[in-house]
Every structure is written in structure tokens, then in C-alpha cells.
Amino acid sequence: MKYTYTEKKDTRSGFGAGLAELADKNPNVVALCADLIGSLKMEKFIEKAPERFFQIGIAEANMMGIAAGLSITGKIPFTGTFANFSTSRVYDQIRQSIAYSGKNVKICASHAGLTLGEDGATHQVLEDIGMMKMLPGMTVINPCDYNQTKAATIAIAEHEGPVYLRFGRPTVPVFIPEDMPFEIGKGILLQEGTDVTIVATGHLVWESLVAADELEKEGISCEVINIHTIKPLDEEIIIKSVEKTGKIVTAEEHNYLGGLGESVAGMLARKRPTRQEFVAVNDTFGESATPAELMKKYKIDAAAVKEAVKRILAN
């Protein structure tokens, strides 16, 4: 495999490291948290810039309103709480106070997807990408590892407009080079192939690389693309790939309704109709178990990616 790893880290720590770096680099960056400083790894930002940190408490709707107000003064607010509370609990405030007027607020959402694990379905969120990508002007980013999350956190401070940045709780392989540039809206071709295109986001990028490596041993050549930005979608890299392979599998830690797969399917239906298989959660809530158990049960792991590739090649 071209990409290997020597350690595992949680993507939320990548966010914390990026935010801490912004404390030094950009005096306009401010951070707000809804009583989850440790979970969002915001301690280092607070150490460096305590006067630019606001503890809002368990009042997420107020946090979004305060962030919108701070943005009017020229500040760049980064809000921090769980993905479930960053979206469904505060959707009205985001729509009306942030998205509608294009406020420069960065909505940073940890513990996304099933891999929140043992906290169960009430805290897991599998519909957040769909909710956020439907808001006009909202950029939606879902990085794959510690290094890419750190780079994305730094990059969105330079982007004018609202951003939804999604990351997770579990430790996952760190395989993206630390110095790889992060360009919003530009996918990354990780591995070339000829038989099928695998387009993945978030934690499913590594799972897709593992699947592709195992399939290569069986004589199946997979092209793997990391789509870290779901909106705006890098249409060019996807179309170029499927013009070569003629088949595509999308992989994500999200409901198949409203996620990356539907964005890709809609785009291809308009521009380059292509056979597609989805690796995603099948219209259900999660439950309490370990991340690995949940990924296996809900068929969003490397084995599920392999199955999807074989299905599409068999038909």
C-alpha cells in the first residue's frame, strides 16, 4: 500500500492542534464552546489566548447567536460541540443567523457518525452532512485523519463564509502527510486504478485504502479518491476518474440519504451517468457498541467497501 501509518490519533485532536496554531497566527480567531472543552481539545487555545475564548455552557443555540454577532465585529468565531448538538439542536439559529446572511462562522463538530460509539444513538449523528449541505452558501468539510483535520482547521480560517467542519472521537490511522496542502473543494487522488472508482470521505478513506489493497491481491484495480470537501464537490476529479473506470463506489460514515453518495449520484446523473454502489448507513439510527462493532454491523468498514466493489463488478 502506498499509504501506511505509524500511529493512530483522533481527528478531534487534529482540530485542537489546528485551533492552537491559529491562536498564534490569526488574532481575529475566537473560540466558543458549549461545555465540552476537553472533548473538543480546546485547552491549548485557551492557554495561548484566554481572552479570545468564550465558555457558553450547555446553551448551543445561544452559542450560534453569539458567534454570528462576533463575526459582525470582524472576528472569526470557531464554535465547538458534538456534531449532533452542532446541527439538529441549533439548525434554526444556523439557518437564520449564520447561513442566510453568510456570516463568517466556523461550526466545528466533533463526535460525528457512528464511531462516537458507546454513547449511543441519541448522541451519534448520521444526518448532519445532509442538513448542512442543503444550506445555501455553507461549505461542508469532513477530513480523514489527524493531519488533514489540523490542516482543514487552519485553512477554514482563511475562507470567507460559513463552514461546517466535521470530525470524530476514535483514534484512526494517521496517513496523510503532515505537509500535504489542504485546498477547500479539491479532492485528492490517493491511488490510481482502472476497474472501479472508490470515492470516500472521513473515516472511510482509510477503510477504502485497506479494501483497495486487499482487492489488488485479487486482481481488482481500484482508484481511490479522498473527498474531504463535500460541498463544494470536486466534480472534475470524480468525472475524470469514472470516465476511465465506468463504475463508482461511494463510502461514508453517514446515512446514505443526504450524504456524499447522494451528492455524487446527483452530479453524475446530470453530467456523466455512471453505475454506483453506496457504502453508508441504511436509513437507521445507531446504537451503543464499540466503533469497530458498529462499523461492522452497519456495513461501513473495509469489508463493506470490498463487497460493494465486487457487487458492482459482478453486474
Protein backbone atom coordinates (compact mmCIF):
# COMPACT_ATOMS: atom_id res chain seq x y z
CA MET A 1 0.00 0.00 0.00
CA LYS A 2 1.26 3.45 -0.93
CA TYR A 3 -0.14 4.98 2.27
CA THR A 4 0.90 3.47 5.59
CA TYR A 5 0.76 4.67 9.17
CA THR A 6 2.91 4.50 12.26
CA GLU A 7 0.40 5.86 14.78
CA LYS A 8 -3.27 6.44 15.43
CA LYS A 9 -4.78 9.70 16.63
CA ASP A 10 -8.29 11.07 16.95
CA THR A 11 -9.33 13.68 14.41
CA ARG A 12 -10.69 15.91 17.19
CA SER A 13 -7.10 16.28 18.42
CA GLY A 14 -6.20 17.45 14.92
CA PHE A 15 -8.83 20.16 15.32
CA GLY A 16 -7.40 21.14 18.70
CA ALA A 17 -3.88 21.36 17.29
CA GLY A 18 -5.04 23.46 14.35
CA LEU A 19 -7.00 25.79 16.59
CA ALA A 20 -3.99 26.23 18.89
CA GLU A 21 -1.87 27.17 15.89
CA LEU A 22 -4.48 29.72 14.85
CA ALA A 23 -4.22 31.29 18.32
CA ASP A 24 -0.72 32.39 17.31
CA LYS A 25 -1.29 33.01 13.60
CA ASN A 26 -4.57 34.91 13.47
CA PRO A 27 -5.57 37.40 16.20
CA ASN A 28 -9.12 37.57 14.82
CA VAL A 29 -9.84 33.91 15.57
CA VAL A 30 -12.03 33.42 18.64
CA ALA A 31 -13.30 30.15 20.08
CA LEU A 32 -16.62 29.31 21.71
CA CYS A 33 -17.51 26.06 23.44
CA ALA A 34 -20.70 24.52 24.82
CA ASP A 35 -19.20 22.98 27.97
CA LEU A 36 -17.07 20.41 26.12
CA ILE A 37 -13.55 21.87 26.24
CA GLY A 38 -11.84 18.52 26.83
CA SER A 39 -13.88 16.65 24.25
CA LEU A 40 -13.08 19.28 21.60
CA LYS A 41 -9.39 19.50 22.64
CA MET A 42 -9.57 23.28 23.04
CA GLU A 43 -7.29 23.53 26.07
CA LYS A 44 -4.20 24.70 24.16
CA PHE A 45 -6.11 27.53 22.50
CA ILE A 46 -7.28 28.66 25.93
CA GLU A 47 -3.72 28.55 27.28
CA LYS A 48 -2.47 30.69 24.41
CA ALA A 49 -5.39 33.12 24.06
CA PRO A 50 -7.66 33.03 27.13
CA GLU A 51 -9.10 36.45 26.29
CA ARG A 52 -10.36 35.06 22.96
CA PHE A 53 -12.18 32.07 24.43
CA PHE A 54 -15.84 32.05 25.48
CA GLN A 55 -17.35 29.26 27.58
CA ILE A 56 -21.05 29.39 26.72
CA GLY A 57 -22.19 26.37 28.70
CA ILE A 58 -24.89 23.95 27.63
CA ALA A 59 -26.62 26.59 25.51
CA GLU A 60 -25.77 25.71 21.93
CA ALA A 61 -28.40 27.95 20.33
CA ASN A 62 -27.03 30.94 22.24
CA MET A 63 -23.53 29.96 21.14
CA MET A 64 -24.52 30.22 17.47
CA GLY A 65 -26.13 33.60 18.03
CA ILE A 66 -23.09 34.92 19.88
CA ALA A 67 -20.82 33.60 17.13
CA ALA A 68 -22.90 35.39 14.49
CA GLY A 69 -22.60 38.62 16.49
CA LEU A 70 -18.85 38.27 16.91
CA SER A 71 -18.45 37.78 13.17
CA ILE A 72 -20.06 41.18 12.56
CA THR A 73 -17.21 42.78 14.51
CA GLY A 74 -14.59 41.20 12.23
CA LYS A 75 -13.81 38.23 14.46
CA ILE A 76 -13.63 34.69 13.08
CA PRO A 77 -15.62 32.53 15.52
CA PHE A 78 -14.98 28.78 15.82
CA THR A 79 -17.82 27.07 17.70
CA GLY A 80 -17.22 23.71 19.36
CA THR A 81 -19.58 20.97 20.46
CA PHE A 82 -20.68 17.47 19.38
CA ALA A 83 -21.91 17.14 15.78
CA ASN A 84 -25.41 16.25 16.95
CA PHE A 85 -25.65 19.43 19.01
CA SER A 86 -23.89 21.47 16.29
CA THR A 87 -26.66 20.76 13.78
CA SER A 88 -30.08 19.42 14.73
CA ARG A 89 -30.25 21.19 18.09
CA VAL A 90 -29.38 24.58 16.56
CA TYR A 91 -30.48 24.31 12.94
CA ASP A 92 -32.82 27.30 13.11
CA GLN A 93 -30.12 29.54 14.56
CA ILE A 94 -27.60 28.42 11.92
CA ARG A 95 -30.06 28.93 9.09
CA GLN A 96 -31.41 32.29 10.19
CA SER A 97 -28.44 33.94 11.91
CA ILE A 98 -25.45 32.45 10.07
CA ALA A 99 -26.23 30.91 6.66
CA TYR A 100 -28.91 33.35 5.48
CA SER A 101 -26.61 36.34 5.82
CA GLY A 102 -23.38 34.49 5.03
CA LYS A 103 -21.75 35.07 8.41
CA ASN A 104 -18.10 34.09 8.69
CA VAL A 105 -18.69 31.44 11.38
CA LYS A 106 -16.87 28.09 11.55
CA ILE A 107 -19.12 25.39 13.02
CA CYS A 108 -16.75 22.73 14.34
CA ALA A 109 -18.45 19.45 15.09
CA SER A 110 -16.82 16.57 16.95
CA HIS A 111 -18.00 13.02 17.76
CA ALA A 112 -19.73 12.66 14.37
CA GLY A 113 -21.13 9.45 12.95
CA LEU A 114 -21.45 6.01 14.50
CA THR A 115 -17.90 5.97 15.84
CA LEU A 116 -18.93 8.08 18.80
CA GLY A 117 -19.60 4.51 19.93
CA GLU A 118 -20.87 3.63 23.36
CA ASP A 119 -22.77 6.89 23.95
CA GLY A 120 -25.42 5.50 21.62
CA ALA A 121 -27.97 6.72 19.11
CA THR A 122 -29.04 9.91 20.91
CA HIS A 123 -25.51 11.32 20.62
CA GLN A 124 -24.50 9.77 17.31
CA VAL A 125 -25.50 11.74 14.22
CA LEU A 126 -25.84 10.32 10.71
CA GLU A 127 -27.82 13.09 9.03
CA ASP A 128 -25.66 16.16 9.69
CA ILE A 129 -23.92 16.31 6.31
CA GLY A 130 -27.28 16.35 4.56
CA MET A 131 -28.65 19.03 6.85
CA MET A 132 -25.67 21.31 6.43
CA LYS A 133 -25.02 20.90 2.72
CA MET A 134 -28.59 21.98 1.97
CA LEU A 135 -27.97 25.42 3.46
CA PRO A 136 -27.08 27.88 0.69
CA GLY A 137 -23.50 29.11 0.94
CA MET A 138 -22.46 26.56 3.57
CA THR A 139 -19.12 24.82 2.96
CA VAL A 140 -19.06 21.25 4.31
CA ILE A 141 -15.75 19.56 5.16
CA ASN A 142 -15.15 16.04 6.50
CA PRO A 143 -11.39 15.29 6.81
CA CYS A 144 -9.98 11.79 7.11
CA ASP A 145 -7.22 11.82 9.75
CA TYR A 146 -5.38 13.92 12.34
CA ASN A 147 -3.11 15.71 9.88
CA GLN A 148 -5.87 16.55 7.44
CA THR A 149 -8.16 17.78 10.21
CA LYS A 150 -5.42 20.06 11.54
CA ALA A 151 -4.78 21.41 8.03
CA ALA A 152 -8.51 21.90 7.40
CA THR A 153 -8.95 23.80 10.67
CA ILE A 154 -6.20 26.23 9.69
CA ALA A 155 -7.49 26.54 6.12
CA ILE A 156 -11.06 27.47 7.00
CA ALA A 157 -9.87 30.50 8.97
CA GLU A 158 -8.81 31.99 5.63
CA HIS A 159 -12.10 31.11 3.92
CA GLU A 160 -14.74 33.82 3.93
CA GLY A 161 -18.18 32.46 4.79
CA PRO A 162 -19.85 29.81 6.95
CA VAL A 163 -18.18 26.40 7.23
CA TYR A 164 -19.27 23.10 8.77
CA LEU A 165 -16.19 21.10 9.83
CA ARG A 166 -16.95 17.52 10.85
CA PHE A 167 -14.58 15.22 12.76
CA GLY A 168 -14.63 12.34 15.21
CA ARG A 169 -13.86 10.75 18.54
CA PRO A 170 -11.96 7.48 17.89
CA THR A 171 -8.28 7.10 17.16
CA VAL A 172 -7.71 6.32 13.47
CA PRO A 173 -4.58 5.83 11.34
CA VAL A 174 -2.60 8.98 10.52
CA PHE A 175 -1.60 8.51 6.88
CA ILE A 176 -1.94 11.87 5.13
CA PRO A 177 1.48 13.60 5.01
CA GLU A 178 1.77 16.42 7.51
CA ASP A 179 2.86 18.84 4.79
CA MET A 180 0.13 17.97 2.27
CA PRO A 181 -1.68 21.21 1.34
CA PHE A 182 -5.37 21.43 2.18
CA GLU A 183 -7.39 23.06 -0.58
CA ILE A 184 -11.09 23.53 0.07
CA GLY A 185 -13.16 21.96 -2.70
CA LYS A 186 -10.33 19.90 -4.21
CA GLY A 187 -10.36 16.13 -3.83
CA ILE A 188 -7.15 14.11 -3.58
CA LEU A 189 -6.31 11.16 -5.82
CA LEU A 190 -4.73 8.74 -3.37
CA GLN A 191 -4.38 5.71 -5.61
CA GLU A 192 -4.79 5.16 -9.34
CA GLY A 193 -6.79 2.24 -10.69
CA THR A 194 -8.65 1.02 -13.76
CA ASP A 195 -11.56 -1.22 -12.72
CA VAL A 196 -13.61 0.89 -10.29
CA THR A 197 -13.51 4.30 -8.61
CA ILE A 198 -13.88 4.49 -4.82
CA VAL A 199 -14.80 7.96 -3.57
CA ALA A 200 -14.60 8.18 0.22
CA THR A 201 -14.78 10.77 2.98
CA GLY A 202 -13.83 10.95 6.65
CA HIS A 203 -13.01 7.72 8.46
CA LEU A 204 -14.00 5.70 5.39
CA VAL A 205 -10.97 6.94 3.42
CA TRP A 206 -8.61 4.66 5.32
CA GLU A 207 -11.10 1.80 5.18
CA SER A 208 -11.27 2.26 1.40
CA LEU A 209 -7.49 2.16 1.07
CA VAL A 210 -7.41 -1.08 3.07
CA ALA A 211 -10.14 -2.53 0.86
CA ALA A 212 -8.34 -1.45 -2.32
CA ASP A 213 -5.11 -3.06 -1.12
CA GLU A 214 -6.86 -6.35 -0.43
CA LEU A 215 -8.72 -6.24 -3.75
CA GLU A 216 -5.48 -5.63 -5.62
CA LYS A 217 -4.26 -9.01 -4.36
CA GLU A 218 -7.33 -10.49 -6.05
CA GLY A 219 -6.58 -8.78 -9.34
CA ILE A 220 -9.02 -5.87 -8.96
CA SER A 221 -7.63 -2.39 -9.60
CA CYS A 222 -9.29 0.39 -7.56
CA GLU A 223 -8.87 4.12 -7.95
CA VAL A 224 -9.29 5.80 -4.54
CA ILE A 225 -10.23 9.46 -4.14
CA ASN A 226 -10.40 11.36 -0.86
CA ILE A 227 -13.29 13.82 -0.98
CA HIS A 228 -12.68 15.85 2.17
CA THR A 229 -14.91 18.70 0.95
CA ILE A 230 -18.44 17.51 0.29
CA LYS A 231 -19.64 20.99 -0.61
CA PRO A 232 -18.42 22.39 -2.93
CA LEU A 233 -17.89 18.97 -4.51
CA ASP A 234 -14.85 18.43 -6.73
CA GLU A 235 -16.79 17.32 -9.81
CA GLU A 236 -13.77 17.35 -12.10
CA ILE A 237 -11.73 14.73 -10.24
CA ILE A 238 -14.73 12.38 -9.98
CA ILE A 239 -15.80 12.70 -13.62
CA LYS A 240 -12.24 12.20 -14.85
CA SER A 241 -11.97 9.00 -12.82
CA VAL A 242 -15.30 7.45 -13.82
CA GLU A 243 -14.60 8.19 -17.49
CA LYS A 244 -11.73 5.73 -17.04
CA THR A 245 -13.36 3.11 -14.80
CA GLY A 246 -17.05 3.38 -15.68
CA LYS A 247 -18.09 2.38 -12.15
CA ILE A 248 -18.09 4.12 -8.76
CA VAL A 249 -18.46 3.19 -5.10
CA THR A 250 -19.03 5.95 -2.53
CA ALA A 251 -18.12 5.35 1.11
CA GLU A 252 -19.05 7.42 4.15
CA GLU A 253 -19.92 7.29 7.84
CA HIS A 254 -23.35 8.82 7.32
CA ASN A 255 -26.86 7.90 6.25
CA TYR A 256 -26.92 7.17 2.52
CA LEU A 257 -29.77 9.69 2.38
CA GLY A 258 -28.30 13.17 2.08
CA GLY A 259 -24.63 12.29 2.29
CA LEU A 260 -21.64 12.20 -0.02
CA GLY A 261 -23.11 9.37 -2.09
CA GLU A 262 -26.22 11.32 -2.98
CA SER A 263 -24.16 14.40 -3.87
CA VAL A 264 -22.03 12.29 -6.20
CA ALA A 265 -25.03 10.49 -7.68
CA GLY A 266 -26.87 13.73 -8.38
CA MET A 267 -23.84 15.28 -10.02
CA LEU A 268 -23.16 12.23 -12.18
CA ALA A 269 -26.81 11.95 -13.20
CA ARG A 270 -26.59 15.48 -14.58
CA LYS A 271 -23.14 15.28 -16.14
CA ARG A 272 -21.94 11.71 -16.65
CA PRO A 273 -24.39 8.90 -15.72
CA THR A 274 -22.44 6.11 -14.04
CA ARG A 275 -23.28 2.89 -12.19
CA GLN A 276 -22.87 3.42 -8.46
CA GLU A 277 -22.87 1.47 -5.21
CA PHE A 278 -23.27 3.11 -1.78
CA VAL A 279 -21.35 2.21 1.38
CA ALA A 280 -23.29 4.09 4.04
CA VAL A 281 -25.75 3.56 6.87
CA ASN A 282 -29.08 2.33 5.52
CA ASP A 283 -31.68 4.82 6.84
CA THR A 284 -31.48 3.92 10.51
CA PHE A 285 -30.27 5.25 13.84
CA GLY A 286 -27.24 3.74 15.54
CA GLU A 287 -26.90 2.01 18.91
CA SER A 288 -24.43 1.57 21.74
CA ALA A 289 -21.31 -0.50 20.98
CA THR A 290 -17.64 -0.03 20.18
CA PRO A 291 -16.79 1.87 16.99
CA ALA A 292 -15.43 -1.27 15.32
CA GLU A 293 -18.53 -3.27 16.20
CA LEU A 294 -20.81 -0.57 14.85
CA MET A 295 -18.87 -0.14 11.62
CA LYS A 296 -19.06 -3.88 11.01
CA LYS A 297 -22.75 -4.21 11.86
CA TYR A 298 -23.82 -1.18 9.82
CA LYS A 299 -21.53 -2.18 6.93
CA ILE A 300 -19.28 0.88 6.74
CA ASP A 301 -15.86 -0.77 7.11
CA ALA A 302 -13.23 -2.11 4.71
CA ALA A 303 -15.11 -5.40 4.29
CA ALA A 304 -18.23 -3.49 3.23
CA VAL A 305 -16.24 -1.49 0.68
CA LYS A 306 -14.86 -4.74 -0.77
CA GLU A 307 -18.38 -6.19 -1.01
CA ALA A 308 -19.64 -3.09 -2.81
CA VAL A 309 -16.79 -3.21 -5.32
CA LYS A 310 -17.46 -6.87 -6.05
CA ARG A 311 -21.20 -6.22 -6.45
CA ILE A 312 -20.68 -3.51 -8.99
CA LEU A 313 -18.14 -5.53 -10.94
CA ALA A 314 -20.45 -8.56 -10.99
CA ASN A 315 -23.39 -6.70 -12.55
